Amino acid sequence: MDHVRDDLSAYLDGALASAERAVVDAHLAGCATCRGAAAELRLTARLIAAVPLPLPSRRLVPALAPRFAW
């Protein structure tokens, strides 16, 4: 069976149709390589989600406001 790496992001995001998801589920059940890749993607997503978003400088809005004034 071909690897499903191209579908893993969509799979983990819940963006696959149920039939496609079933194909990936079946493949992951028997493929340690793709299970490992899926685990790495899950970890990466968790790490990215844990990074706090930087707050913009207080000077940002006053500096940009004239550019967007009508």
PDB file of N, CA and C in Angstrom:
ATOM      1  N   MET A   1       0.850  -1.189   0.000  1.00  0.00           N
ATOM      2  CA  MET A   1       0.000   0.000   0.000  1.00  0.00           C
ATOM      3  C   MET A   1       0.886   1.240   0.000  1.00  0.00           C
ATOM      4  N   ASP A   2       0.509   2.262  -0.752  1.00  0.00           N
ATOM      5  CA  ASP A   2       1.258   3.516  -0.787  1.00  0.00           C
ATOM      6  C   ASP A   2       1.119   4.236   0.549  1.00  0.00           C
ATOM      7  N   HIS A   3       2.125   5.008   0.852  1.00  0.00           N
ATOM      8  CA  HIS A   3       2.069   5.808   2.076  1.00  0.00           C
ATOM      9  C   HIS A   3       1.058   6.944   1.907  1.00  0.00           C
ATOM     10  N   VAL A   4       0.567   7.449   3.026  1.00  0.00           N
ATOM     11  CA  VAL A   4      -0.485   8.470   3.004  1.00  0.00           C
ATOM     12  C   VAL A   4       0.014   9.825   3.507  1.00  0.00           C
ATOM     13  N   ARG A   5       1.310  10.037   3.446  1.00  0.00           N
ATOM     14  CA  ARG A   5       1.882  11.278   3.983  1.00  0.00           C
ATOM     15  C   ARG A   5       1.242  12.528   3.396  1.00  0.00           C
ATOM     16  N   ASP A   6       0.895  12.504   2.120  1.00  0.00           N
ATOM     17  CA  ASP A   6       0.294  13.687   1.497  1.00  0.00           C
ATOM     18  C   ASP A   6      -1.059  14.037   2.107  1.00  0.00           C
ATOM     19  N   ASP A   7      -1.712  13.065   2.715  1.00  0.00           N
ATOM     20  CA  ASP A   7      -3.041  13.288   3.296  1.00  0.00           C
ATOM     21  C   ASP A   7      -3.014  13.508   4.807  1.00  0.00           C
ATOM     22  N   LEU A   8      -1.846  13.396   5.427  1.00  0.00           N
ATOM     23  CA  LEU A   8      -1.802  13.434   6.887  1.00  0.00           C
ATOM     24  C   LEU A   8      -2.245  14.771   7.476  1.00  0.00           C
ATOM     25  N   SER A   9      -1.835  15.872   6.902  1.00  0.00           N
ATOM     26  CA  SER A   9      -2.246  17.169   7.461  1.00  0.00           C
ATOM     27  C   SER A   9      -3.759  17.323   7.424  1.00  0.00           C
ATOM     28  N   ALA A  10      -4.350  17.014   6.285  1.00  0.00           N
ATOM     29  CA  ALA A  10      -5.807  17.104   6.164  1.00  0.00           C
ATOM     30  C   ALA A  10      -6.481  16.117   7.116  1.00  0.00           C
ATOM     31  N   TYR A  11      -5.904  14.940   7.261  1.00  0.00           N
ATOM     32  CA  TYR A  11      -6.428  13.921   8.171  1.00  0.00           C
ATOM     33  C   TYR A  11      -6.443  14.453   9.607  1.00  0.00           C
ATOM     34  N   LEU A  12      -5.306  15.001  10.038  1.00  0.00           N
ATOM     35  CA  LEU A  12      -5.202  15.489  11.410  1.00  0.00           C
ATOM     36  C   LEU A  12      -6.053  16.729  11.650  1.00  0.00           C
ATOM     37  N   ASP A  13      -6.310  17.494  10.600  1.00  0.00           N
ATOM     38  CA  ASP A  13      -7.167  18.678  10.709  1.00  0.00           C
ATOM     39  C   ASP A  13      -8.647  18.331  10.619  1.00  0.00           C
ATOM     40  N   GLY A  14      -8.966  17.069  10.349  1.00  0.00           N
ATOM     41  CA  GLY A  14     -10.359  16.666  10.198  1.00  0.00           C
ATOM     42  C   GLY A  14     -10.969  17.146   8.899  1.00  0.00           C
ATOM     43  N   ALA A  15     -10.123  17.348   7.884  1.00  0.00           N
ATOM     44  CA  ALA A  15     -10.589  17.921   6.621  1.00  0.00           C
ATOM     45  C   ALA A  15     -10.829  16.881   5.531  1.00  0.00           C
ATOM     46  N   LEU A  16     -10.692  15.619   5.848  1.00  0.00           N
ATOM     47  CA  LEU A  16     -10.932  14.580   4.843  1.00  0.00           C
ATOM     48  C   LEU A  16     -12.379  14.112   4.897  1.00  0.00           C
ATOM     49  N   ALA A  17     -12.881  13.719   3.745  1.00  0.00           N
ATOM     50  CA  ALA A  17     -14.202  13.086   3.687  1.00  0.00           C
ATOM     51  C   ALA A  17     -14.114  11.754   4.426  1.00  0.00           C
ATOM     52  N   SER A  18     -15.243  11.244   4.857  1.00  0.00           N
ATOM     53  CA  SER A  18     -15.233  10.019   5.664  1.00  0.00           C
ATOM     54  C   SER A  18     -14.588   8.846   4.935  1.00  0.00           C
ATOM     55  N   ALA A  19     -14.790   8.732   3.633  1.00  0.00           N
ATOM     56  CA  ALA A  19     -14.177   7.627   2.884  1.00  0.00           C
ATOM     57  C   ALA A  19     -12.656   7.772   2.853  1.00  0.00           C
ATOM     58  N   GLU A  20     -12.177   9.001   2.654  1.00  0.00           N
ATOM     59  CA  GLU A  20     -10.727   9.233   2.644  1.00  0.00           C
ATOM     60  C   GLU A  20     -10.139   8.996   4.026  1.00  0.00           C
ATOM     61  N   ARG A  21     -10.868   9.428   5.047  1.00  0.00           N
ATOM     62  CA  ARG A  21     -10.407   9.222   6.425  1.00  0.00           C
ATOM     63  C   ARG A  21     -10.297   7.731   6.733  1.00  0.00           C
ATOM     64  N   ALA A  22     -11.242   6.951   6.257  1.00  0.00           N
ATOM     65  CA  ALA A  22     -11.207   5.504   6.482  1.00  0.00           C
ATOM     66  C   ALA A  22      -9.985   4.881   5.825  1.00  0.00           C
ATOM     67  N   VAL A  23      -9.630   5.358   4.636  1.00  0.00           N
ATOM     68  CA  VAL A  23      -8.440   4.844   3.945  1.00  0.00           C
ATOM     69  C   VAL A  23      -7.190   5.152   4.768  1.00  0.00           C
ATOM     70  N   VAL A  24      -7.098   6.384   5.270  1.00  0.00           N
ATOM     71  CA  VAL A  24      -5.930   6.764   6.067  1.00  0.00           C
ATOM     72  C   VAL A  24      -5.909   5.980   7.374  1.00  0.00           C
ATOM     73  N   ASP A  25      -7.058   5.830   8.036  1.00  0.00           N
ATOM     74  CA  ASP A  25      -7.137   5.032   9.266  1.00  0.00           C
ATOM     75  C   ASP A  25      -6.616   3.622   9.032  1.00  0.00           C
ATOM     76  N   ALA A  26      -7.070   3.008   7.955  1.00  0.00           N
ATOM     77  CA  ALA A  26      -6.648   1.636   7.648  1.00  0.00           C
ATOM     78  C   ALA A  26      -5.152   1.581   7.382  1.00  0.00           C
ATOM     79  N   HIS A  27      -4.648   2.568   6.670  1.00  0.00           N
ATOM     80  CA  HIS A  27      -3.220   2.581   6.369  1.00  0.00           C
ATOM     81  C   HIS A  27      -2.400   2.767   7.644  1.00  0.00           C
ATOM     82  N   LEU A  28      -2.819   3.703   8.489  1.00  0.00           N
ATOM     83  CA  LEU A  28      -2.080   3.955   9.722  1.00  0.00           C
ATOM     84  C   LEU A  28      -2.063   2.735  10.638  1.00  0.00           C
ATOM     85  N   ALA A  29      -3.120   1.946  10.592  1.00  0.00           N
ATOM     86  CA  ALA A  29      -3.179   0.742  11.421  1.00  0.00           C
ATOM     87  C   ALA A  29      -2.061  -0.234  11.075  1.00  0.00           C
ATOM     88  N   GLY A  30      -1.614  -0.216   9.825  1.00  0.00           N
ATOM     89  CA  GLY A  30      -0.597  -1.178   9.416  1.00  0.00           C
ATOM     90  C   GLY A  30       0.741  -0.593   9.022  1.00  0.00           C
ATOM     91  N   CYS A  31       0.922   0.717   9.150  1.00  0.00           N
ATOM     92  CA  CYS A  31       2.166   1.340   8.682  1.00  0.00           C
ATOM     93  C   CYS A  31       2.804   2.165   9.801  1.00  0.00           C
ATOM     94  N   ALA A  32       3.848   1.617  10.380  1.00  0.00           N
ATOM     95  CA  ALA A  32       4.542   2.305  11.464  1.00  0.00           C
ATOM     96  C   ALA A  32       5.193   3.601  10.986  1.00  0.00           C
ATOM     97  N   THR A  33       5.647   3.623   9.753  1.00  0.00           N
ATOM     98  CA  THR A  33       6.288   4.829   9.214  1.00  0.00           C
ATOM     99  C   THR A  33       5.307   5.993   9.189  1.00  0.00           C
ATOM    100  N   CYS A  34       4.126   5.763   8.671  1.00  0.00           N
ATOM    101  CA  CYS A  34       3.120   6.832   8.595  1.00  0.00           C
ATOM    102  C   CYS A  34       2.548   7.169   9.968  1.00  0.00           C
ATOM    103  N   ARG A  35       2.439   6.181  10.857  1.00  0.00           N
ATOM    104  CA  ARG A  35       2.004   6.475  12.234  1.00  0.00           C
ATOM    105  C   ARG A  35       3.007   7.409  12.903  1.00  0.00           C
ATOM    106  N   GLY A  36       4.289   7.155  12.665  1.00  0.00           N
ATOM    107  CA  GLY A  36       5.331   8.022  13.212  1.00  0.00           C
ATOM    108  C   GLY A  36       5.249   9.426  12.644  1.00  0.00           C
ATOM    109  N   ALA A  37       5.020   9.522  11.339  1.00  0.00           N
ATOM    110  CA  ALA A  37       4.885  10.837  10.700  1.00  0.00           C
ATOM    111  C   ALA A  37       3.677  11.577  11.265  1.00  0.00           C
ATOM    112  N   ALA A  38       2.583  10.870  11.483  1.00  0.00           N
ATOM    113  CA  ALA A  38       1.382  11.488  12.051  1.00  0.00           C
ATOM    114  C   ALA A  38       1.654  11.969  13.476  1.00  0.00           C
ATOM    115  N   ALA A  39       2.381  11.174  14.246  1.00  0.00           N
ATOM    116  CA  ALA A  39       2.718  11.570  15.614  1.00  0.00           C
ATOM    117  C   ALA A  39       3.592  12.822  15.614  1.00  0.00           C
ATOM    118  N   GLU A  40       4.536  12.899  14.681  1.00  0.00           N
ATOM    119  CA  GLU A  40       5.391  14.085  14.582  1.00  0.00           C
ATOM    120  C   GLU A  40       4.571  15.322  14.220  1.00  0.00           C
ATOM    121  N   LEU A  41       3.624  15.167  13.303  1.00  0.00           N
ATOM    122  CA  LEU A  41       2.768  16.299  12.928  1.00  0.00           C
ATOM    123  C   LEU A  41       1.902  16.752  14.100  1.00  0.00           C
ATOM    124  N   ARG A  42       1.365  15.790  14.859  1.00  0.00           N
ATOM    125  CA  ARG A  42       0.558  16.144  16.042  1.00  0.00           C
ATOM    126  C   ARG A  42       1.398  16.929  17.047  1.00  0.00           C
ATOM    127  N   LEU A  43       2.625  16.447  17.290  1.00  0.00           N
ATOM    128  CA  LEU A  43       3.509  17.123  18.228  1.00  0.00           C
ATOM    129  C   LEU A  43       3.840  18.532  17.738  1.00  0.00           C
ATOM    130  N   THR A  44       4.151  18.655  16.470  1.00  0.00           N
ATOM    131  CA  THR A  44       4.463  19.966  15.900  1.00  0.00           C
ATOM    132  C   THR A  44       3.289  20.921  16.065  1.00  0.00           C
ATOM    133  N   ALA A  45       2.088  20.445  15.787  1.00  0.00           N
ATOM    134  CA  ALA A  45       0.895  21.287  15.932  1.00  0.00           C
ATOM    135  C   ALA A  45       0.709  21.722  17.382  1.00  0.00           C
ATOM    136  N   ARG A  46       0.936  20.807  18.329  1.00  0.00           N
ATOM    137  CA  ARG A  46       0.811  21.159  19.753  1.00  0.00           C
ATOM    138  C   ARG A  46       1.862  22.191  20.159  1.00  0.00           C
ATOM    139  N   LEU A  47       3.087  22.011  19.682  1.00  0.00           N
ATOM    140  CA  LEU A  47       4.150  22.957  20.022  1.00  0.00           C
ATOM    141  C   LEU A  47       3.867  24.346  19.451  1.00  0.00           C
ATOM    142  N   ILE A  48       3.396  24.391  18.221  1.00  0.00           N
ATOM    143  CA  ILE A  48       3.066  25.678  17.602  1.00  0.00           C
ATOM    144  C   ILE A  48       1.916  26.347  18.349  1.00  0.00           C
ATOM    145  N   ALA A  49       0.913  25.564  18.721  1.00  0.00           N
ATOM    146  CA  ALA A  49      -0.238  26.121  19.436  1.00  0.00           C
ATOM    147  C   ALA A  49       0.157  26.665  20.809  1.00  0.00           C
ATOM    148  N   ALA A  50       1.231  26.125  21.388  1.00  0.00           N
ATOM    149  CA  ALA A  50       1.659  26.553  22.718  1.00  0.00           C
ATOM    150  C   ALA A  50       2.461  27.852  22.694  1.00  0.00           C
ATOM    151  N   VAL A  51       2.910  28.278  21.529  1.00  0.00           N
ATOM    152  CA  VAL A  51       3.693  29.515  21.435  1.00  0.00           C
ATOM    153  C   VAL A  51       2.740  30.701  21.564  1.00  0.00           C
ATOM    154  N   PRO A  52       2.992  31.571  22.525  1.00  0.00           N
ATOM    155  CA  PRO A  52       2.097  32.722  22.682  1.00  0.00           C
ATOM    156  C   PRO A  52       2.261  33.698  21.519  1.00  0.00           C
ATOM    157  N   LEU A  53       1.150  34.280  21.120  1.00  0.00           N
ATOM    158  CA  LEU A  53       1.199  35.281  20.062  1.00  0.00           C
ATOM    159  C   LEU A  53       1.782  36.571  20.628  1.00  0.00           C
ATOM    160  N   PRO A  54       2.684  37.189  19.904  1.00  0.00           N
ATOM    161  CA  PRO A  54       3.245  38.446  20.406  1.00  0.00           C
ATOM    162  C   PRO A  54       2.209  39.566  20.340  1.00  0.00           C
ATOM    163  N   LEU A  55       2.249  40.429  21.311  1.00  0.00           N
ATOM    164  CA  LEU A  55       1.361  41.589  21.306  1.00  0.00           C
ATOM    165  C   LEU A  55       2.005  42.687  20.468  1.00  0.00           C
ATOM    166  N   PRO A  56       1.213  43.368  19.674  1.00  0.00           N
ATOM    167  CA  PRO A  56       1.785  44.452  18.880  1.00  0.00           C
ATOM    168  C   PRO A  56       2.216  45.615  19.779  1.00  0.00           C
ATOM    169  N   SER A  57       3.182  46.331  19.322  1.00  0.00           N
ATOM    170  CA  SER A  57       3.654  47.511  20.033  1.00  0.00           C
ATOM    171  C   SER A  57       2.518  48.524  20.154  1.00  0.00           C
ATOM    172  N   ARG A  58       2.515  49.279  21.230  1.00  0.00           N
ATOM    173  CA  ARG A  58       1.502  50.326  21.402  1.00  0.00           C
ATOM    174  C   ARG A  58       1.626  51.385  20.317  1.00  0.00           C
ATOM    175  N   ARG A  59       2.787  51.481  19.724  1.00  0.00           N
ATOM    176  CA  ARG A  59       3.021  52.477  18.676  1.00  0.00           C
ATOM    177  C   ARG A  59       2.534  52.011  17.310  1.00  0.00           C
ATOM    178  N   LEU A  60       2.181  50.751  17.185  1.00  0.00           N
ATOM    179  CA  LEU A  60       1.816  50.209  15.878  1.00  0.00           C
ATOM    180  C   LEU A  60       0.562  50.868  15.304  1.00  0.00           C
ATOM    181  N   VAL A  61      -0.514  50.885  16.069  1.00  0.00           N
ATOM    182  CA  VAL A  61      -1.773  51.430  15.544  1.00  0.00           C
ATOM    183  C   VAL A  61      -1.632  52.908  15.186  1.00  0.00           C
ATOM    184  N   PRO A  62      -1.088  53.750  16.066  1.00  0.00           N
ATOM    185  CA  PRO A  62      -0.923  55.155  15.666  1.00  0.00           C
ATOM    186  C   PRO A  62      -0.015  55.325  14.444  1.00  0.00           C
ATOM    187  N   ALA A  63       0.969  54.462  14.300  1.00  0.00           N
ATOM    188  CA  ALA A  63       1.873  54.574  13.157  1.00  0.00           C
ATOM    189  C   ALA A  63       1.192  54.157  11.858  1.00  0.00           C
ATOM    190  N   LEU A  64       0.284  53.197  11.931  1.00  0.00           N
ATOM    191  CA  LEU A  64      -0.382  52.697  10.726  1.00  0.00           C
ATOM    192  C   LEU A  64      -1.679  53.428  10.403  1.00  0.00           C
ATOM    193  N   ALA A  65      -2.301  54.032  11.392  1.00  0.00           N
ATOM    194  CA  ALA A  65      -3.612  54.661  11.195  1.00  0.00           C
ATOM    195  C   ALA A  65      -3.648  55.639  10.025  1.00  0.00           C
ATOM    196  N   PRO A  66      -2.658  56.506   9.848  1.00  0.00           N
ATOM    197  CA  PRO A  66      -2.725  57.437   8.710  1.00  0.00           C
ATOM    198  C   PRO A  66      -2.751  56.737   7.347  1.00  0.00           C
ATOM    199  N   ARG A  67      -2.195  55.576   7.276  1.00  0.00           N
ATOM    200  CA  ARG A  67      -2.177  54.839   6.004  1.00  0.00           C
ATOM    201  C   ARG A  67      -3.551  54.289   5.642  1.00  0.00           C
ATOM    202  N   PHE A  68      -4.385  54.088   6.652  1.00  0.00           N
ATOM    203  CA  PHE A  68      -5.696  53.493   6.419  1.00  0.00           C
ATOM    204  C   PHE A  68      -6.833  54.489   6.596  1.00  0.00           C
ATOM    205  N   ALA A  69      -6.517  55.731   6.815  1.00  0.00           N
ATOM    206  CA  ALA A  69      -7.553  56.752   7.003  1.00  0.00           C
ATOM    207  C   ALA A  69      -8.281  56.987   5.684  1.00  0.00           C
ATOM    208  N   TRP A  70      -9.577  57.201   5.778  1.00  0.00           N
ATOM    209  CA  TRP A  70     -10.381  57.438   4.571  1.00  0.00           C
ATOM    210  C   TRP A  70     -10.367  58.876   4.320  1.00  0.00           C
TER     211      TRP A  70
END
